[in-house]
């Protein structure tokens, strides 16, 4: 089982040349003791989606690896329903990509904003 499976993340998809979307189904696994969404789950979700989307955009001889993840958690969310990540590719360089994600609850309220920087490295088999 992978982290993607454990976090219950649906396969992300590109919605344009520079935007993407993904959904994470929430349950007790994602919660703090008080029943609210754990910020660490939100960060892991964003980094996973950024990496998967970068890998779709670059040559198969390369892949994206996380370098930096920063977030502002703006609203607490009960750990139920779904969290949607809507990403925008801010920088598409040869050696790095930068993604910004709006993390939204079921009512489209902004829960967190997350920025993920990835290094684009050679894939050595």
N, C-alpha and C. Protein backbone atom coordinates (compact mmCIF):
# COMPACT_ATOMS: atom_id res chain seq x y z
N UNK A 1 0.85 -1.18 0.00
CA UNK A 1 0.00 0.00 0.00
C UNK A 1 0.89 1.24 0.00
N UNK A 2 0.53 2.22 -0.82
CA UNK A 2 1.30 3.45 -0.91
C UNK A 2 0.65 4.54 -0.05
N UNK A 3 1.36 5.65 0.11
CA UNK A 3 0.80 6.80 0.82
C UNK A 3 -0.43 7.33 0.08
N UNK A 4 -0.39 7.26 -1.24
CA UNK A 4 -1.54 7.70 -2.04
C UNK A 4 -2.78 6.88 -1.67
N UNK A 5 -2.62 5.57 -1.54
CA UNK A 5 -3.73 4.70 -1.15
C UNK A 5 -4.19 5.01 0.27
N UNK A 6 -3.24 5.14 1.18
CA UNK A 6 -3.56 5.40 2.58
C UNK A 6 -4.32 6.71 2.75
N UNK A 7 -3.91 7.73 2.01
CA UNK A 7 -4.57 9.04 2.11
C UNK A 7 -5.88 9.10 1.33
N UNK A 8 -6.18 8.06 0.56
CA UNK A 8 -7.41 7.98 -0.24
C UNK A 8 -7.52 9.13 -1.24
N UNK A 9 -6.45 9.26 -2.04
CA UNK A 9 -6.39 10.30 -3.05
C UNK A 9 -6.82 9.72 -4.40
N UNK A 10 -7.81 10.35 -5.03
CA UNK A 10 -8.18 9.97 -6.40
C UNK A 10 -7.10 10.45 -7.35
N UNK A 11 -6.98 9.77 -8.49
CA UNK A 11 -5.96 10.14 -9.48
C UNK A 11 -6.17 11.59 -9.91
N UNK A 12 -5.14 12.43 -9.72
CA UNK A 12 -5.28 13.82 -10.15
C UNK A 12 -5.29 13.94 -11.67
N UNK A 13 -5.81 15.05 -12.16
CA UNK A 13 -5.85 15.27 -13.61
C UNK A 13 -5.61 16.74 -13.92
N UNK A 14 -5.02 16.96 -15.09
CA UNK A 14 -4.82 18.33 -15.57
C UNK A 14 -6.16 18.86 -16.06
N UNK A 15 -6.45 20.12 -15.73
CA UNK A 15 -7.68 20.76 -16.20
C UNK A 15 -7.38 21.79 -17.29
N UNK A 16 -6.09 22.12 -17.47
CA UNK A 16 -5.60 22.95 -18.57
C UNK A 16 -4.10 22.70 -18.66
N UNK A 17 -3.40 23.48 -19.46
CA UNK A 17 -1.94 23.30 -19.58
C UNK A 17 -1.20 23.62 -18.29
N UNK A 18 -1.82 24.43 -17.43
CA UNK A 18 -1.13 24.87 -16.20
C UNK A 18 -1.95 24.69 -14.93
N UNK A 19 -3.07 23.98 -15.01
CA UNK A 19 -3.89 23.77 -13.81
C UNK A 19 -4.26 22.30 -13.66
N UNK A 20 -4.52 21.91 -12.42
CA UNK A 20 -4.89 20.52 -12.14
C UNK A 20 -5.87 20.48 -10.98
N UNK A 21 -6.44 19.29 -10.77
CA UNK A 21 -7.38 19.09 -9.67
C UNK A 21 -7.28 17.66 -9.18
N UNK A 22 -7.47 17.50 -7.88
CA UNK A 22 -7.48 16.17 -7.27
C UNK A 22 -8.38 16.21 -6.04
N UNK A 23 -8.82 15.03 -5.62
CA UNK A 23 -9.71 14.91 -4.46
C UNK A 23 -9.12 13.90 -3.48
N UNK A 24 -9.18 14.25 -2.19
CA UNK A 24 -8.81 13.33 -1.12
C UNK A 24 -10.06 13.09 -0.27
N UNK A 25 -10.45 11.82 -0.13
CA UNK A 25 -11.62 11.45 0.66
C UNK A 25 -11.19 11.37 2.12
N UNK A 26 -11.90 12.10 2.98
CA UNK A 26 -11.48 12.24 4.37
C UNK A 26 -12.18 11.24 5.29
N UNK A 27 -11.45 10.84 6.31
CA UNK A 27 -11.96 9.96 7.35
C UNK A 27 -11.13 10.13 8.60
N UNK A 28 -11.34 9.28 9.57
CA UNK A 28 -10.64 9.41 10.86
C UNK A 28 -9.12 9.31 10.70
N UNK A 29 -8.65 8.62 9.66
CA UNK A 29 -7.22 8.49 9.40
C UNK A 29 -6.55 9.85 9.23
N UNK A 30 -7.28 10.84 8.69
CA UNK A 30 -6.74 12.16 8.37
C UNK A 30 -6.87 13.15 9.52
N UNK A 31 -7.45 12.75 10.64
CA UNK A 31 -7.83 13.73 11.66
C UNK A 31 -6.85 13.84 12.82
N UNK A 32 -6.90 15.01 13.44
CA UNK A 32 -6.26 15.22 14.73
C UNK A 32 -7.16 14.57 15.78
N UNK A 33 -6.70 14.53 17.00
CA UNK A 33 -7.51 13.92 18.08
C UNK A 33 -8.86 14.60 18.25
N UNK A 34 -8.93 15.90 17.94
CA UNK A 34 -10.17 16.66 18.12
C UNK A 34 -11.15 16.48 16.96
N UNK A 35 -10.76 15.72 15.92
CA UNK A 35 -11.66 15.46 14.80
C UNK A 35 -11.51 16.41 13.63
N UNK A 36 -10.53 17.30 13.69
CA UNK A 36 -10.28 18.22 12.59
C UNK A 36 -9.18 17.68 11.68
N UNK A 37 -9.20 18.13 10.43
CA UNK A 37 -8.21 17.71 9.44
C UNK A 37 -6.81 18.05 9.93
N UNK A 38 -5.92 17.08 9.87
CA UNK A 38 -4.52 17.28 10.24
C UNK A 38 -3.81 18.02 9.11
N UNK A 39 -3.10 19.08 9.45
CA UNK A 39 -2.38 19.86 8.45
C UNK A 39 -1.34 19.05 7.70
N UNK A 40 -0.75 18.06 8.36
CA UNK A 40 0.25 17.22 7.70
C UNK A 40 -0.35 16.42 6.55
N UNK A 41 -1.59 15.99 6.70
CA UNK A 41 -2.26 15.26 5.61
C UNK A 41 -2.48 16.19 4.42
N UNK A 42 -2.80 17.45 4.71
CA UNK A 42 -3.00 18.43 3.65
C UNK A 42 -1.70 18.66 2.88
N UNK A 43 -0.58 18.79 3.59
CA UNK A 43 0.71 19.00 2.94
C UNK A 43 1.13 17.79 2.11
N UNK A 44 0.94 16.61 2.66
CA UNK A 44 1.28 15.39 1.91
C UNK A 44 0.44 15.30 0.64
N UNK A 45 -0.83 15.62 0.74
CA UNK A 45 -1.74 15.62 -0.41
C UNK A 45 -1.21 16.55 -1.50
N UNK A 46 -0.87 17.77 -1.12
CA UNK A 46 -0.37 18.75 -2.11
C UNK A 46 0.92 18.28 -2.76
N UNK A 47 1.86 17.76 -1.97
CA UNK A 47 3.14 17.33 -2.54
C UNK A 47 2.96 16.15 -3.49
N UNK A 48 2.09 15.23 -3.13
CA UNK A 48 1.82 14.08 -4.00
C UNK A 48 1.24 14.54 -5.34
N UNK A 49 0.25 15.41 -5.29
CA UNK A 49 -0.39 15.88 -6.52
C UNK A 49 0.60 16.67 -7.37
N UNK A 50 1.39 17.54 -6.74
CA UNK A 50 2.39 18.31 -7.49
C UNK A 50 3.36 17.38 -8.21
N UNK A 51 3.84 16.37 -7.51
CA UNK A 51 4.78 15.43 -8.12
C UNK A 51 4.16 14.66 -9.27
N UNK A 52 2.94 14.19 -9.09
CA UNK A 52 2.28 13.42 -10.15
C UNK A 52 2.02 14.29 -11.38
N UNK A 53 1.62 15.53 -11.17
CA UNK A 53 1.33 16.41 -12.30
C UNK A 53 2.61 16.85 -13.00
N UNK A 54 3.65 17.14 -12.24
CA UNK A 54 4.94 17.47 -12.86
C UNK A 54 5.41 16.31 -13.72
N UNK A 55 5.28 15.10 -13.21
CA UNK A 55 5.73 13.93 -13.96
C UNK A 55 4.95 13.74 -15.26
N UNK A 56 3.72 14.23 -15.32
CA UNK A 56 2.96 14.17 -16.58
C UNK A 56 3.46 15.20 -17.59
N UNK A 57 4.07 16.27 -17.09
CA UNK A 57 4.46 17.39 -17.95
C UNK A 57 5.89 17.32 -18.47
N UNK A 58 6.71 16.45 -17.89
CA UNK A 58 8.13 16.41 -18.27
C UNK A 58 8.45 15.12 -19.01
N UNK A 59 9.62 15.10 -19.61
CA UNK A 59 10.11 13.93 -20.33
C UNK A 59 10.20 12.74 -19.39
N UNK A 60 9.92 11.53 -19.89
CA UNK A 60 9.92 10.34 -19.03
C UNK A 60 11.31 9.95 -18.52
N UNK A 61 12.36 10.59 -19.04
CA UNK A 61 13.71 10.33 -18.53
C UNK A 61 14.00 11.14 -17.27
N UNK A 62 13.03 11.95 -16.85
CA UNK A 62 13.18 12.79 -15.65
C UNK A 62 11.97 12.59 -14.74
N UNK A 63 12.11 13.03 -13.49
CA UNK A 63 10.96 13.04 -12.60
C UNK A 63 11.11 14.14 -11.57
N UNK A 64 9.98 14.52 -10.97
CA UNK A 64 9.97 15.61 -10.00
C UNK A 64 10.05 15.08 -8.58
N UNK A 65 10.91 15.70 -7.78
CA UNK A 65 11.04 15.35 -6.36
C UNK A 65 10.82 16.61 -5.52
N UNK A 66 10.12 16.46 -4.42
CA UNK A 66 9.81 17.59 -3.57
C UNK A 66 11.05 18.21 -2.95
N UNK A 67 11.10 19.55 -2.97
CA UNK A 67 12.17 20.30 -2.32
C UNK A 67 11.64 21.12 -1.16
N UNK A 68 10.45 21.68 -1.34
CA UNK A 68 9.91 22.58 -0.33
C UNK A 68 8.39 22.54 -0.38
N UNK A 69 7.78 22.52 0.79
CA UNK A 69 6.33 22.61 0.91
C UNK A 69 6.03 23.64 1.99
N UNK A 70 5.27 24.68 1.64
CA UNK A 70 4.87 25.68 2.62
C UNK A 70 3.36 25.84 2.56
N UNK A 71 2.76 26.15 3.70
CA UNK A 71 1.30 26.25 3.73
C UNK A 71 0.84 27.31 4.71
N UNK A 72 -0.32 27.84 4.40
CA UNK A 72 -1.07 28.65 5.34
C UNK A 72 -2.42 27.97 5.51
N UNK A 73 -2.67 27.49 6.73
CA UNK A 73 -3.95 26.86 7.04
C UNK A 73 -4.88 27.98 7.50
N UNK A 74 -5.95 28.20 6.75
CA UNK A 74 -6.78 29.38 6.93
C UNK A 74 -8.08 29.14 7.68
N UNK A 75 -8.55 27.90 7.67
CA UNK A 75 -9.83 27.59 8.31
C UNK A 75 -9.79 26.15 8.78
N UNK A 76 -10.22 25.88 10.02
CA UNK A 76 -10.30 24.49 10.45
C UNK A 76 -11.42 23.77 9.70
N UNK A 77 -11.22 22.47 9.51
CA UNK A 77 -12.21 21.68 8.78
C UNK A 77 -12.43 20.37 9.52
N UNK A 78 -13.69 20.06 9.79
CA UNK A 78 -14.00 18.75 10.35
C UNK A 78 -13.54 17.69 9.35
N UNK A 79 -13.07 16.60 9.85
CA UNK A 79 -12.47 15.58 8.99
C UNK A 79 -13.55 14.65 8.44
N UNK A 80 -14.30 15.19 7.48
CA UNK A 80 -15.38 14.44 6.83
C UNK A 80 -15.58 14.99 5.42
N UNK A 81 -16.13 14.19 4.55
CA UNK A 81 -16.34 14.62 3.17
C UNK A 81 -15.08 14.52 2.35
N UNK A 82 -14.83 15.54 1.56
CA UNK A 82 -13.68 15.54 0.66
C UNK A 82 -12.92 16.86 0.77
N UNK A 83 -11.63 16.78 0.48
CA UNK A 83 -10.79 17.96 0.33
C UNK A 83 -10.35 17.98 -1.13
N UNK A 84 -10.60 19.10 -1.81
CA UNK A 84 -10.22 19.24 -3.21
C UNK A 84 -8.99 20.13 -3.32
N UNK A 85 -8.02 19.68 -4.09
CA UNK A 85 -6.82 20.47 -4.38
C UNK A 85 -6.94 21.01 -5.80
N UNK A 86 -6.93 22.33 -5.92
CA UNK A 86 -6.91 22.97 -7.24
C UNK A 86 -5.55 23.65 -7.38
N UNK A 87 -4.76 23.13 -8.31
CA UNK A 87 -3.39 23.60 -8.44
C UNK A 87 -3.15 24.42 -9.69
N UNK A 88 -2.20 25.36 -9.55
CA UNK A 88 -1.74 26.17 -10.67
C UNK A 88 -0.23 26.07 -10.74
N UNK A 89 0.28 25.75 -11.91
CA UNK A 89 1.72 25.69 -12.12
C UNK A 89 2.22 27.11 -12.32
N UNK A 90 2.97 27.62 -11.34
CA UNK A 90 3.47 28.99 -11.38
C UNK A 90 4.78 29.10 -12.14
N UNK A 91 5.64 28.10 -11.99
CA UNK A 91 6.95 28.09 -12.65
C UNK A 91 7.14 26.72 -13.29
N UNK A 92 7.43 26.73 -14.59
CA UNK A 92 7.72 25.48 -15.30
C UNK A 92 9.12 25.61 -15.91
N UNK A 93 10.13 25.43 -15.07
CA UNK A 93 11.50 25.53 -15.52
C UNK A 93 12.05 24.17 -15.92
N UNK A 94 13.24 24.18 -16.48
CA UNK A 94 13.89 22.92 -16.85
C UNK A 94 14.34 22.13 -15.63
N UNK A 95 14.66 22.85 -14.54
CA UNK A 95 15.20 22.18 -13.35
C UNK A 95 14.26 22.22 -12.15
N UNK A 96 13.20 23.01 -12.22
CA UNK A 96 12.26 23.06 -11.10
C UNK A 96 10.88 23.49 -11.56
N UNK A 97 9.89 23.05 -10.80
CA UNK A 97 8.50 23.46 -10.99
C UNK A 97 8.00 23.97 -9.65
N UNK A 98 7.13 24.99 -9.71
CA UNK A 98 6.49 25.51 -8.50
C UNK A 98 4.98 25.47 -8.73
N UNK A 99 4.29 24.81 -7.81
CA UNK A 99 2.83 24.69 -7.84
C UNK A 99 2.23 25.43 -6.65
N UNK A 100 1.08 26.08 -6.87
CA UNK A 100 0.30 26.65 -5.77
C UNK A 100 -1.07 25.97 -5.76
N UNK A 101 -1.48 25.52 -4.59
CA UNK A 101 -2.75 24.81 -4.44
C UNK A 101 -3.69 25.56 -3.52
N UNK A 102 -4.94 25.69 -3.96
CA UNK A 102 -6.04 26.08 -3.08
C UNK A 102 -6.69 24.78 -2.64
N UNK A 103 -6.77 24.58 -1.33
CA UNK A 103 -7.39 23.39 -0.77
C UNK A 103 -8.79 23.79 -0.30
N UNK A 104 -9.80 23.15 -0.89
CA UNK A 104 -11.19 23.55 -0.70
C UNK A 104 -12.02 22.44 -0.07
N UNK A 105 -12.97 22.85 0.79
CA UNK A 105 -13.88 21.86 1.37
C UNK A 105 -15.05 21.62 0.42
N UNK A 106 -16.01 20.82 0.87
CA UNK A 106 -17.16 20.46 0.02
C UNK A 106 -18.00 21.66 -0.40
N UNK A 107 -17.90 22.76 0.37
CA UNK A 107 -18.68 23.96 0.04
C UNK A 107 -17.83 25.02 -0.66
N UNK A 108 -16.66 24.57 -1.19
CA UNK A 108 -15.76 25.45 -1.95
C UNK A 108 -15.12 26.54 -1.08
N UNK A 109 -15.10 26.34 0.23
CA UNK A 109 -14.43 27.31 1.11
C UNK A 109 -12.94 27.00 1.13
N UNK A 110 -12.13 28.05 1.15
CA UNK A 110 -10.68 27.90 1.17
C UNK A 110 -10.22 27.47 2.56
N UNK A 111 -9.62 26.28 2.64
CA UNK A 111 -9.14 25.72 3.90
C UNK A 111 -7.66 26.03 4.09
N UNK A 112 -6.88 25.85 3.05
CA UNK A 112 -5.43 26.09 3.09
C UNK A 112 -4.96 26.52 1.71
N UNK A 113 -3.83 27.24 1.72
CA UNK A 113 -3.08 27.48 0.48
C UNK A 113 -1.71 26.86 0.67
N UNK A 114 -1.29 26.07 -0.31
CA UNK A 114 -0.03 25.33 -0.21
C UNK A 114 0.80 25.61 -1.46
N UNK A 115 2.09 25.86 -1.26
CA UNK A 115 3.03 26.01 -2.36
C UNK A 115 4.03 24.87 -2.29
N UNK A 116 4.24 24.21 -3.43
CA UNK A 116 5.17 23.08 -3.51
C UNK A 116 6.21 23.38 -4.59
N UNK A 117 7.48 23.25 -4.22
CA UNK A 117 8.59 23.37 -5.17
C UNK A 117 9.18 21.99 -5.38
N UNK A 118 9.35 21.63 -6.65
CA UNK A 118 9.93 20.33 -7.00
C UNK A 118 11.18 20.54 -7.84
N UNK A 119 12.19 19.72 -7.60
CA UNK A 119 13.35 19.65 -8.48
C UNK A 119 13.04 18.65 -9.58
N UNK A 120 13.42 18.97 -10.80
CA UNK A 120 13.28 18.05 -11.92
C UNK A 120 14.64 17.39 -12.12
N UNK A 121 14.70 16.09 -11.85
CA UNK A 121 15.97 15.37 -11.86
C UNK A 121 15.94 14.23 -12.88
N UNK A 122 17.13 13.76 -13.24
CA UNK A 122 17.23 12.62 -14.15
C UNK A 122 16.78 11.35 -13.45
N UNK A 123 16.06 10.53 -14.19
CA UNK A 123 15.58 9.25 -13.68
C UNK A 123 16.58 8.18 -14.08
N UNK A 124 17.30 7.66 -13.11
CA UNK A 124 18.30 6.62 -13.38
C UNK A 124 17.73 5.28 -12.95
N UNK A 125 17.56 4.40 -13.89
CA UNK A 125 16.94 3.09 -13.61
C UNK A 125 17.93 2.13 -13.03
